[in-house]
PDB file of N, CA and C in Angstrom:
ATOM      1  N   UNK A   1       0.826  -1.246   0.047  1.00  0.00           N
ATOM      2  CA  UNK A   1      -0.025  -0.101   0.153  1.00  0.00           C
ATOM      3  C   UNK A   1       0.806   1.079   0.063  1.00  0.00           C
ATOM      4  N   UNK A   2       1.971   1.161   0.707  1.00  0.00           N
ATOM      5  CA  UNK A   2       2.977   2.301   0.412  1.00  0.00           C
ATOM      6  C   UNK A   2       3.117   2.887  -0.945  1.00  0.00           C
ATOM      7  N   UNK A   3       3.470   1.965  -2.129  1.00  0.00           N
ATOM      8  CA  UNK A   3       3.463   2.226  -3.418  1.00  0.00           C
ATOM      9  C   UNK A   3       2.431   3.150  -3.933  1.00  0.00           C
ATOM     10  N   UNK A   4       1.246   2.579  -3.206  1.00  0.00           N
ATOM     11  CA  UNK A   4      -0.032   3.601  -3.937  1.00  0.00           C
ATOM     12  C   UNK A   4      -0.206   4.610  -3.206  1.00  0.00           C
ATOM     13  N   UNK A   5       0.240   5.020  -2.079  1.00  0.00           N
ATOM     14  CA  UNK A   5       0.357   6.168  -1.232  1.00  0.00           C
ATOM     15  C   UNK A   5       1.408   7.173  -2.029  1.00  0.00           C
ATOM     16  N   UNK A   6       2.882   6.363  -2.155  1.00  0.00           N
ATOM     17  CA  UNK A   6       3.580   7.278  -3.119  1.00  0.00           C
ATOM     18  C   UNK A   6       3.258   7.848  -4.261  1.00  0.00           C
ATOM     19  N   UNK A   7       2.550   7.093  -4.899  1.00  0.00           N
ATOM     20  CA  UNK A   7       2.051   7.261  -6.398  1.00  0.00           C
ATOM     21  C   UNK A   7       0.749   8.451  -6.393  1.00  0.00           C
ATOM     22  N   UNK A   8       0.221   8.268  -5.202  1.00  0.00           N
ATOM     23  CA  UNK A   8      -0.924   8.942  -4.977  1.00  0.00           C
ATOM     24  C   UNK A   8      -0.260  10.717  -4.590  1.00  0.00           C
ATOM     25  N   UNK A   9       0.613  10.649  -4.023  1.00  0.00           N
ATOM     26  CA  UNK A   9       1.489  11.726  -3.524  1.00  0.00           C
ATOM     27  C   UNK A   9       2.248  12.345  -4.679  1.00  0.00           C
ATOM     28  N   UNK A  10       2.369  12.003  -5.700  1.00  0.00           N
ATOM     29  CA  UNK A  10       2.960  12.470  -6.686  1.00  0.00           C
ATOM     30  C   UNK A  10       4.580  11.952  -6.848  1.00  0.00           C
ATOM     31  N   UNK A  11       5.004  10.975  -6.226  1.00  0.00           N
ATOM     32  CA  UNK A  11       6.302  10.661  -6.271  1.00  0.00           C
ATOM     33  C   UNK A  11       6.147   9.367  -7.217  1.00  0.00           C
ATOM     34  N   UNK A  12       7.408   9.665  -8.060  1.00  0.00           N
ATOM     35  CA  UNK A  12       7.428   8.600  -9.218  1.00  0.00           C
ATOM     36  C   UNK A  12       8.239   7.309  -8.626  1.00  0.00           C
ATOM     37  N   UNK A  13       7.881   6.329  -8.700  1.00  0.00           N
ATOM     38  CA  UNK A  13       8.728   4.870  -8.577  1.00  0.00           C
ATOM     39  C   UNK A  13      10.268   4.686  -9.416  1.00  0.00           C
ATOM     40  N   UNK A  14      11.059   4.103  -8.950  1.00  0.00           N
ATOM     41  CA  UNK A  14      11.922   3.901  -9.870  1.00  0.00           C
ATOM     42  C   UNK A  14      12.010   3.532 -11.181  1.00  0.00           C
ATOM     43  N   UNK A  15      10.930   2.533 -11.351  1.00  0.00           N
ATOM     44  CA  UNK A  15      10.726   1.947 -12.757  1.00  0.00           C
ATOM     45  C   UNK A  15      10.422   3.085 -13.381  1.00  0.00           C
ATOM     46  N   UNK A  16       9.431   4.285 -13.064  1.00  0.00           N
ATOM     47  CA  UNK A  16       8.866   5.120 -13.655  1.00  0.00           C
ATOM     48  C   UNK A  16       9.876   6.099 -14.078  1.00  0.00           C
ATOM     49  N   UNK A  17      10.835   6.508 -13.255  1.00  0.00           N
ATOM     50  CA  UNK A  17      11.887   7.437 -13.462  1.00  0.00           C
ATOM     51  C   UNK A  17      12.890   7.041 -14.373  1.00  0.00           C
ATOM     52  N   UNK A  18      13.267   5.629 -14.509  1.00  0.00           N
ATOM     53  CA  UNK A  18      14.046   5.069 -15.756  1.00  0.00           C
ATOM     54  C   UNK A  18      13.421   5.053 -16.606  1.00  0.00           C
ATOM     55  N   UNK A  19      11.869   4.618 -16.828  1.00  0.00           N
ATOM     56  CA  UNK A  19      10.987   4.744 -17.936  1.00  0.00           C
ATOM     57  C   UNK A  19      11.358   6.306 -18.576  1.00  0.00           C
ATOM     58  N   UNK A  20      11.049   7.158 -18.012  1.00  0.00           N
ATOM     59  CA  UNK A  20      11.186   8.743 -18.607  1.00  0.00           C
ATOM     60  C   UNK A  20      12.866   8.846 -18.881  1.00  0.00           C
ATOM     61  N   UNK A  21      13.705   8.440 -18.371  1.00  0.00           N
ATOM     62  CA  UNK A  21      14.932   8.490 -19.005  1.00  0.00           C
ATOM     63  C   UNK A  21      15.097   7.632 -20.107  1.00  0.00           C
ATOM     64  N   UNK A  22      14.912   6.720 -20.339  1.00  0.00           N
ATOM     65  CA  UNK A  22      14.832   5.786 -21.476  1.00  0.00           C
ATOM     66  C   UNK A  22      13.914   6.697 -22.702  1.00  0.00           C
ATOM     67  N   UNK A  23      12.925   7.251 -22.335  1.00  0.00           N
ATOM     68  CA  UNK A  23      11.864   7.929 -23.315  1.00  0.00           C
ATOM     69  C   UNK A  23      12.618   9.112 -23.947  1.00  0.00           C
ATOM     70  N   UNK A  24      13.101   9.806 -22.830  1.00  0.00           N
ATOM     71  CA  UNK A  24      13.995  10.763 -23.282  1.00  0.00           C
ATOM     72  C   UNK A  24      15.265  10.928 -24.187  1.00  0.00           C
ATOM     73  N   UNK A  25      16.036   9.763 -23.779  1.00  0.00           N
ATOM     74  CA  UNK A  25      17.077   9.243 -24.511  1.00  0.00           C
ATOM     75  C   UNK A  25      16.617   8.938 -26.075  1.00  0.00           C
ATOM     76  N   UNK A  26      15.471   8.116 -25.981  1.00  0.00           N
ATOM     77  CA  UNK A  26      14.800   7.412 -27.508  1.00  0.00           C
ATOM     78  C   UNK A  26      14.877   8.706 -28.091  1.00  0.00           C
ATOM     79  N   UNK A  27      13.904   9.729 -27.382  1.00  0.00           N
ATOM     80  CA  UNK A  27      13.717  10.876 -28.299  1.00  0.00           C
ATOM     81  C   UNK A  27      14.914  11.786 -28.636  1.00  0.00           C
ATOM     82  N   UNK A  28      15.945  12.054 -27.930  1.00  0.00           N
ATOM     83  CA  UNK A  28      17.348  12.681 -28.282  1.00  0.00           C
ATOM     84  C   UNK A  28      17.781  11.868 -29.503  1.00  0.00           C
ATOM     85  N   UNK A  29      17.742  10.392 -29.502  1.00  0.00           N
ATOM     86  CA  UNK A  29      18.299   9.683 -30.436  1.00  0.00           C
ATOM     87  C   UNK A  29      17.729   9.852 -31.896  1.00  0.00           C
ATOM     88  N   UNK A  30      16.166   9.898 -31.824  1.00  0.00           N
ATOM     89  CA  UNK A  30      15.170  10.355 -32.760  1.00  0.00           C
ATOM     90  C   UNK A  30      15.778  11.545 -33.576  1.00  0.00           C
ATOM     91  N   UNK A  31      15.626  12.773 -32.567  1.00  0.00           N
ATOM     92  CA  UNK A  31      15.882  13.803 -33.312  1.00  0.00           C
ATOM     93  C   UNK A  31      17.407  13.852 -34.015  1.00  0.00           C
ATOM     94  N   UNK A  32      18.510  13.180 -33.226  1.00  0.00           N
ATOM     95  CA  UNK A  32      19.941  13.458 -33.841  1.00  0.00           C
ATOM     96  C   UNK A  32      19.782  12.496 -35.186  1.00  0.00           C
ATOM     97  N   UNK A  33      19.020  11.345 -35.325  1.00  0.00           N
ATOM     98  CA  UNK A  33      18.921  10.800 -36.636  1.00  0.00           C
ATOM     99  C   UNK A  33      18.214  11.521 -37.529  1.00  0.00           C
ATOM    100  N   UNK A  34      17.000  12.233 -37.355  1.00  0.00           N
ATOM    101  CA  UNK A  34      16.410  12.725 -38.165  1.00  0.00           C
ATOM    102  C   UNK A  34      17.420  14.233 -38.504  1.00  0.00           C
ATOM    103  N   UNK A  35      18.020  14.765 -37.819  1.00  0.00           N
ATOM    104  CA  UNK A  35      19.148  15.599 -38.461  1.00  0.00           C
ATOM    105  C   UNK A  35      19.810  15.567 -39.291  1.00  0.00           C
ATOM    106  N   UNK A  36      20.292  14.289 -39.080  1.00  0.00           N
ATOM    107  CA  UNK A  36      21.440  13.162 -39.967  1.00  0.00           C
ATOM    108  C   UNK A  36      20.712  12.975 -41.111  1.00  0.00           C
ATOM    109  N   UNK A  37      19.727  12.664 -41.207  1.00  0.00           N
ATOM    110  CA  UNK A  37      19.067  12.171 -42.388  1.00  0.00           C
ATOM    111  C   UNK A  37      18.767  13.408 -43.143  1.00  0.00           C
ATOM    112  N   UNK A  38      18.491  14.414 -42.605  1.00  0.00           N
ATOM    113  CA  UNK A  38      18.541  15.727 -43.495  1.00  0.00           C
ATOM    114  C   UNK A  38      19.564  16.023 -44.086  1.00  0.00           C
ATOM    115  N   UNK A  39      20.623  15.996 -43.037  1.00  0.00           N
ATOM    116  CA  UNK A  39      21.914  16.438 -43.635  1.00  0.00           C
ATOM    117  C   UNK A  39      22.512  15.736 -44.758  1.00  0.00           C
ATOM    118  N   UNK A  40      21.972  14.144 -44.828  1.00  0.00           N
ATOM    119  CA  UNK A  40      22.323  13.089 -45.931  1.00  0.00           C
ATOM    120  C   UNK A  40      21.499  13.510 -47.169  1.00  0.00           C
ATOM    121  N   UNK A  41      20.238  13.823 -46.880  1.00  0.00           N
ATOM    122  CA  UNK A  41      19.375  14.590 -48.038  1.00  0.00           C
ATOM    123  C   UNK A  41      19.833  15.738 -48.759  1.00  0.00           C
ATOM    124  N   UNK A  42      20.611  16.513 -47.928  1.00  0.00           N
ATOM    125  CA  UNK A  42      21.148  17.798 -48.433  1.00  0.00           C
ATOM    126  C   UNK A  42      22.394  17.553 -49.450  1.00  0.00           C
ATOM    127  N   UNK A  43      23.064  16.360 -48.758  1.00  0.00           N
ATOM    128  CA  UNK A  43      24.605  16.035 -49.369  1.00  0.00           C
ATOM    129  C   UNK A  43      23.858  15.246 -50.794  1.00  0.00           C
ATOM    130  N   UNK A  44      22.785  14.440 -50.625  1.00  0.00           N
ATOM    131  CA  UNK A  44      22.465  13.782 -51.746  1.00  0.00           C
ATOM    132  C   UNK A  44      22.082  14.642 -52.843  1.00  0.00           C
ATOM    133  N   UNK A  45      21.126  15.766 -52.620  1.00  0.00           N
ATOM    134  CA  UNK A  45      20.903  16.750 -53.459  1.00  0.00           C
ATOM    135  C   UNK A  45      22.011  17.417 -54.115  1.00  0.00           C
ATOM    136  N   UNK A  46      22.776  17.787 -53.184  1.00  0.00           N
ATOM    137  CA  UNK A  46      24.132  18.815 -53.911  1.00  0.00           C
ATOM    138  C   UNK A  46      24.984  17.714 -55.013  1.00  0.00           C
ATOM    139  N   UNK A  47      24.909  16.708 -54.592  1.00  0.00           N
ATOM    140  CA  UNK A  47      25.781  15.628 -55.633  1.00  0.00           C
ATOM    141  C   UNK A  47      25.097  15.589 -56.525  1.00  0.00           C
ATOM    142  N   UNK A  48      23.898  15.606 -56.663  1.00  0.00           N
ATOM    143  CA  UNK A  48      22.939  15.025 -57.912  1.00  0.00           C
ATOM    144  C   UNK A  48      23.181  16.468 -58.737  1.00  0.00           C
ATOM    145  N   UNK A  49      23.048  17.998 -57.855  1.00  0.00           N
ATOM    146  CA  UNK A  49      23.436  18.867 -58.898  1.00  0.00           C
ATOM    147  C   UNK A  49      24.629  19.082 -59.455  1.00  0.00           C
ATOM    148  N   UNK A  50      25.569  18.585 -58.780  1.00  0.00           N
ATOM    149  CA  UNK A  50      27.138  18.401 -59.334  1.00  0.00           C
ATOM    150  C   UNK A  50      27.265  17.714 -60.391  1.00  0.00           C
ATOM    151  N   UNK A  51      26.518  16.676 -60.241  1.00  0.00           N
ATOM    152  CA  UNK A  51      26.186  15.532 -61.412  1.00  0.00           C
ATOM    153  C   UNK A  51      25.681  16.190 -62.733  1.00  0.00           C
ATOM    154  N   UNK A  52      24.852  16.753 -62.582  1.00  0.00           N
ATOM    155  CA  UNK A  52      24.150  17.406 -63.534  1.00  0.00           C
ATOM    156  C   UNK A  52      24.974  18.585 -64.290  1.00  0.00           C
ATOM    157  N   UNK A  53      25.491  19.313 -63.520  1.00  0.00           N
ATOM    158  CA  UNK A  53      26.546  20.557 -64.193  1.00  0.00           C
ATOM    159  C   UNK A  53      27.668  19.485 -64.781  1.00  0.00           C
ATOM    160  N   UNK A  54      28.206  18.730 -64.193  1.00  0.00           N
ATOM    161  CA  UNK A  54      29.210  18.010 -65.279  1.00  0.00           C
ATOM    162  C   UNK A  54      28.656  17.269 -66.262  1.00  0.00           C
ATOM    163  N   UNK A  55      27.458  16.736 -66.147  1.00  0.00           N
ATOM    164  CA  UNK A  55      26.881  16.659 -67.615  1.00  0.00           C
ATOM    165  C   UNK A  55      27.038  17.312 -68.384  1.00  0.00           C
ATOM    166  N   UNK A  56      26.420  18.647 -68.203  1.00  0.00           N
ATOM    167  CA  UNK A  56      26.230  19.954 -69.036  1.00  0.00           C
ATOM    168  C   UNK A  56      27.615  20.397 -69.299  1.00  0.00           C
ATOM    169  N   UNK A  57      28.684  20.320 -68.607  1.00  0.00           N
ATOM    170  CA  UNK A  57      29.953  20.856 -69.206  1.00  0.00           C
ATOM    171  C   UNK A  57      30.699  19.560 -70.176  1.00  0.00           C
ATOM    172  N   UNK A  58      30.132  18.524 -69.787  1.00  0.00           N
ATOM    173  CA  UNK A  58      30.903  17.384 -70.633  1.00  0.00           C
ATOM    174  C   UNK A  58      30.097  17.476 -72.013  1.00  0.00           C
ATOM    175  N   UNK A  59      28.835  18.094 -72.143  1.00  0.00           N
ATOM    176  CA  UNK A  59      28.270  18.254 -73.647  1.00  0.00           C
ATOM    177  C   UNK A  59      28.707  19.400 -73.990  1.00  0.00           C
ATOM    178  N   UNK A  60      29.114  20.374 -73.456  1.00  0.00           N
ATOM    179  CA  UNK A  60      29.614  21.432 -73.806  1.00  0.00           C
ATOM    180  C   UNK A  60      31.052  21.118 -74.451  1.00  0.00           C
ATOM    181  N   UNK A  61      31.982  20.465 -73.909  1.00  0.00           N
ATOM    182  CA  UNK A  61      33.094  20.043 -73.963  1.00  0.00           C
ATOM    183  C   UNK A  61      33.046  19.383 -75.547  1.00  0.00           C
ATOM    184  N   UNK A  62      32.005  18.419 -75.294  1.00  0.00           N
ATOM    185  CA  UNK A  62      32.136  17.585 -76.734  1.00  0.00           C
ATOM    186  C   UNK A  62      31.718  18.396 -77.997  1.00  0.00           C
ATOM    187  N   UNK A  63      30.744  19.549 -77.684  1.00  0.00           N
ATOM    188  CA  UNK A  63      30.625  20.530 -78.845  1.00  0.00           C
ATOM    189  C   UNK A  63      31.571  21.216 -79.350  1.00  0.00           C
ATOM    190  N   UNK A  64      32.545  21.683 -78.265  1.00  0.00           N
ATOM    191  CA  UNK A  64      33.766  22.472 -78.578  1.00  0.00           C
ATOM    192  C   UNK A  64      34.668  21.521 -79.471  1.00  0.00           C
ATOM    193  N   UNK A  65      35.010  20.552 -78.956  1.00  0.00           N
ATOM    194  CA  UNK A  65      35.656  19.452 -79.602  1.00  0.00           C
ATOM    195  C   UNK A  65      35.197  19.281 -81.410  1.00  0.00           C
ATOM    196  N   UNK A  66      33.632  19.114 -81.226  1.00  0.00           N
ATOM    197  CA  UNK A  66      33.519  18.805 -82.910  1.00  0.00           C
ATOM    198  C   UNK A  66      33.630  19.888 -83.368  1.00  0.00           C
ATOM    199  N   UNK A  67      33.403  21.180 -82.691  1.00  0.00           N
ATOM    200  CA  UNK A  67      33.594  22.327 -83.858  1.00  0.00           C
ATOM    201  C   UNK A  67      35.443  22.236 -84.218  1.00  0.00           C
ATOM    202  N   UNK A  68      35.839  22.204 -83.303  1.00  0.00           N
ATOM    203  CA  UNK A  68      37.403  22.229 -83.464  1.00  0.00           C
ATOM    204  C   UNK A  68      37.977  21.081 -84.457  1.00  0.00           C
ATOM    205  N   UNK A  69      37.311  20.217 -84.633  1.00  0.00           N
ATOM    206  CA  UNK A  69      37.543  18.990 -85.396  1.00  0.00           C
ATOM    207  C   UNK A  69      37.186  19.286 -86.940  1.00  0.00           C
ATOM    208  N   UNK A  70      35.869  20.208 -86.985  1.00  0.00           N
ATOM    209  CA  UNK A  70      35.715  20.902 -88.372  1.00  0.00           C
ATOM    210  C   UNK A  70      36.687  21.518 -88.707  1.00  0.00           C
ATOM    211  N   UNK A  71      37.661  22.299 -88.313  1.00  0.00           N
ATOM    212  CA  UNK A  71      38.606  22.951 -88.753  1.00  0.00           C
ATOM    213  C   UNK A  71      39.999  22.447 -89.091  1.00  0.00           C
ATOM    214  N   UNK A  72      40.017  21.285 -88.554  1.00  0.00           N
ATOM    215  CA  UNK A  72      41.326  20.376 -88.991  1.00  0.00           C
ATOM    216  C   UNK A  72      41.649  20.396 -90.471  1.00  0.00           C
ATOM    217  N   UNK A  73      40.727  20.179 -91.394  1.00  0.00           N
ATOM    218  CA  UNK A  73      40.925  20.316 -92.716  1.00  0.00           C
ATOM    219  C   UNK A  73      41.474  21.684 -93.062  1.00  0.00           C
ATOM    220  N   UNK A  74      40.936  22.477 -92.759  1.00  0.00           N
ATOM    221  CA  UNK A  74      41.248  24.187 -92.900  1.00  0.00           C
ATOM    222  C   UNK A  74      42.790  24.432 -92.533  1.00  0.00           C
ATOM    223  N   UNK A  75      42.959  23.817 -91.205  1.00  0.00           N
ATOM    224  CA  UNK A  75      44.146  23.926 -90.695  1.00  0.00           C
ATOM    225  C   UNK A  75      45.149  23.328 -91.489  1.00  0.00           C
ATOM    226  N   UNK A  76      45.117  22.199 -91.803  1.00  0.00           N
ATOM    227  CA  UNK A  76      45.969  21.283 -93.155  1.00  0.00           C
ATOM    228  C   UNK A  76      46.482  22.032 -94.318  1.00  0.00           C
ATOM    229  N   UNK A  77      45.248  22.546 -94.656  1.00  0.00           N
ATOM    230  CA  UNK A  77      45.701  23.270 -95.963  1.00  0.00           C
ATOM    231  C   UNK A  77      46.565  24.507 -95.783  1.00  0.00           C
ATOM    232  N   UNK A  78      46.146  25.428 -94.382  1.00  0.00           N
ATOM    233  CA  UNK A  78      47.056  26.492 -94.265  1.00  0.00           C
ATOM    234  C   UNK A  78      48.422  26.394 -93.881  1.00  0.00           C
ATOM    235  N   UNK A  79      48.270  25.104 -93.381  1.00  0.00           N
ATOM    236  CA  UNK A  79      49.770  24.487 -92.930  1.00  0.00           C
ATOM    237  C   UNK A  79      50.804  24.225 -94.354  1.00  0.00           C
ATOM    238  N   UNK A  80      49.831  23.540 -95.411  1.00  0.00           N
ATOM    239  CA  UNK A  80      50.709  23.535 -96.609  1.00  0.00           C
ATOM    240  C   UNK A  80      51.087  24.738 -97.542  1.00  0.00           C
ATOM    241  N   UNK A  81      50.024  25.578 -97.529  1.00  0.00           N
ATOM    242  CA  UNK A  81      50.231  27.096 -97.966  1.00  0.00           C
ATOM    243  C   UNK A  81      51.414  27.693 -97.252  1.00  0.00           C
ATOM    244  N   UNK A  82      51.201  27.522 -95.606  1.00  0.00           N
ATOM    245  CA  UNK A  82      52.454  28.301 -95.057  1.00  0.00           C
ATOM    246  C   UNK A  82      53.841  27.294 -95.489  1.00  0.00           C
ATOM    247  N   UNK A  83      54.069  26.071 -95.512  1.00  0.00           N
ATOM    248  CA  UNK A  83      55.123  25.549 -96.115  1.00  0.00           C
ATOM    249  C   UNK A  83      55.737  25.964 -97.718  1.00  0.00           C
ATOM    250  N   UNK A  84      54.743  25.740 -98.660  1.00  0.00           N
ATOM    251  CA  UNK A  84      54.791  26.097 -99.572  1.00  0.00           C
ATOM    252  C   UNK A  84      55.569  27.602-100.020  1.00  0.00           C
ATOM    253  N   UNK A  85      54.844  28.543 -99.151  1.00  0.00           N
ATOM    254  CA  UNK A  85      55.023  30.053 -99.132  1.00  0.00           C
ATOM    255  C   UNK A  85      56.592  30.438 -98.439  1.00  0.00           C
ATOM    256  N   UNK A  86      56.835  29.456 -97.605  1.00  0.00           N
ATOM    257  CA  UNK A  86      58.367  29.255 -96.889  1.00  0.00           C
ATOM    258  C   UNK A  86      59.241  28.860 -97.595  1.00  0.00           C
ATOM    259  N   UNK A  87      59.047  28.277 -98.465  1.00  0.00           N
ATOM    260  CA  UNK A  87      60.258  27.637 -99.439  1.00  0.00           C
ATOM    261  C   UNK A  87      60.460  28.578-100.498  1.00  0.00           C
ATOM    262  N   UNK A  88      59.538  28.850-101.216  1.00  0.00           N
ATOM    263  CA  UNK A  88      59.892  29.786-102.499  1.00  0.00           C
ATOM    264  C   UNK A  88      60.684  30.784-102.407  1.00  0.00           C
ATOM    265  N   UNK A  89      60.482  31.732-101.304  1.00  0.00           N
ATOM    266  CA  UNK A  89      61.712  32.613-100.920  1.00  0.00           C
ATOM    267  C   UNK A  89      63.015  32.192-100.867  1.00  0.00           C
ATOM    268  N   UNK A  90      63.426  31.118-100.271  1.00  0.00           N
ATOM    269  CA  UNK A  90      64.612  30.596-100.159  1.00  0.00           C
ATOM    270  C   UNK A  90      65.099  30.097-101.542  1.00  0.00           C
ATOM    271  N   UNK A  91      64.342  29.766-102.480  1.00  0.00           N
ATOM    272  CA  UNK A  91      64.704  29.258-103.824  1.00  0.00           C
ATOM    273  C   UNK A  91      65.215  30.753-104.406  1.00  0.00           C
ATOM    274  N   UNK A  92      64.138  31.532-104.429  1.00  0.00           N
ATOM    275  CA  UNK A  92      64.433  32.987-105.226  1.00  0.00           C
ATOM    276  C   UNK A  92      65.819  33.528-104.629  1.00  0.00           C
ATOM    277  N   UNK A  93      65.965  33.532-103.390  1.00  0.00           N
ATOM    278  CA  UNK A  93      67.129  34.039-102.750  1.00  0.00           C
ATOM    279  C   UNK A  93      68.613  33.276-103.028  1.00  0.00           C
ATOM    280  N   UNK A  94      68.431  32.048-103.206  1.00  0.00           N
ATOM    281  CA  UNK A  94      69.654  31.614-103.796  1.00  0.00           C
ATOM    282  C   UNK A  94      70.108  31.781-105.433  1.00  0.00           C
ATOM    283  N   UNK A  95      68.878  31.779-106.095  1.00  0.00           N
ATOM    284  CA  UNK A  95      69.075  32.355-107.380  1.00  0.00           C
ATOM    285  C   UNK A  95      69.758  33.735-107.345  1.00  0.00           C
ATOM    286  N   UNK A  96      69.196  34.429-106.776  1.00  0.00           N
ATOM    287  CA  UNK A  96      69.386  36.000-106.716  1.00  0.00           C
ATOM    288  C   UNK A  96      71.052  36.123-106.419  1.00  0.00           C
ATOM    289  N   UNK A  97      71.315  35.419-105.422  1.00  0.00           N
ATOM    290  CA  UNK A  97      72.615  35.462-104.826  1.00  0.00           C
ATOM    291  C   UNK A  97      73.661  34.750-106.034  1.00  0.00           C
ATOM    292  N   UNK A  98      73.381  33.653-106.499  1.00  0.00           N
ATOM    293  CA  UNK A  98      74.122  33.154-107.719  1.00  0.00           C
ATOM    294  C   UNK A  98      74.332  34.053-108.770  1.00  0.00           C
ATOM    295  N   UNK A  99      73.191  34.759-109.421  1.00  0.00           N
ATOM    296  CA  UNK A  99      73.288  35.830-110.170  1.00  0.00           C
ATOM    297  C   UNK A  99      74.026  36.933-110.000  1.00  0.00           C
ATOM    298  N   UNK A 100      74.023  37.274-108.612  1.00  0.00           N
ATOM    299  CA  UNK A 100      74.682  38.551-108.091  1.00  0.00           C
ATOM    300  C   UNK A 100      76.316  38.050-108.056  1.00  0.00           C
ATOM    301  N   UNK A 101      76.538  36.806-107.642  1.00  0.00           N
ATOM    302  CA  UNK A 101      77.711  36.290-107.607  1.00  0.00           C
ATOM    303  C   UNK A 101      78.361  36.370-109.239  1.00  0.00           C
ATOM    304  N   UNK A 102      77.534  36.133-109.980  1.00  0.00           N
ATOM    305  CA  UNK A 102      78.107  35.815-111.522  1.00  0.00           C
ATOM    306  C   UNK A 102      77.997  37.168-112.361  1.00  0.00           C
ATOM    307  N   UNK A 103      77.460  38.145-111.855  1.00  0.00           N
ATOM    308  CA  UNK A 103      77.616  39.702-112.174  1.00  0.00           C
ATOM    309  C   UNK A 103      78.858  40.187-111.541  1.00  0.00           C
ATOM    310  N   UNK A 104      79.112  40.029-110.620  1.00  0.00           N
ATOM    311  CA  UNK A 104      80.191  40.360-109.729  1.00  0.00           C
ATOM    312  C   UNK A 104      81.802  39.897-110.577  1.00  0.00           C
ATOM    313  N   UNK A 105      81.279  38.456-110.632  1.00  0.00           N
ATOM    314  CA  UNK A 105      82.898  38.046-111.446  1.00  0.00           C
ATOM    315  C   UNK A 105      83.127  38.570-112.770  1.00  0.00           C
ATOM    316  N   UNK A 106      81.867  38.970-113.401  1.00  0.00           N
ATOM    317  CA  UNK A 106      81.811  39.610-114.811  1.00  0.00           C
ATOM    318  C   UNK A 106      82.515  41.021-115.101  1.00  0.00           C
TER     319      UNK A 106
END
C-alpha cells in the first residue's frame, strides 16, 4: 500500500523514473537521426546538382571538340600553304645570290 500512497502523493517509482530517462534518450536519438537524415538528403541533392552540372559541362566540351575537328582540314591546308610560301623565297634568294655572284665576277 505504500507504493499506492507514494504514487498518489506525486512521487515516481524507480521504474517510472528509468522509463522517463529511456524515453528522453530515445527522443534525443530520434532527433539526432532526423537531423542526420536531413544532412544526408541535402548532401545527396548537392551531389545530384554537381552530377547534372558535370554532364552539362561534358556536353559543352564535346560540342567544342566537334567544332574544333571541323577546322582540322582548313588547318591542314593553311599549313601546306605556309610551307610552300616559306620555301619559295629561299629558292629565289639562292638564285639571286648566284646571279649576283656571276655579275660580280663579270
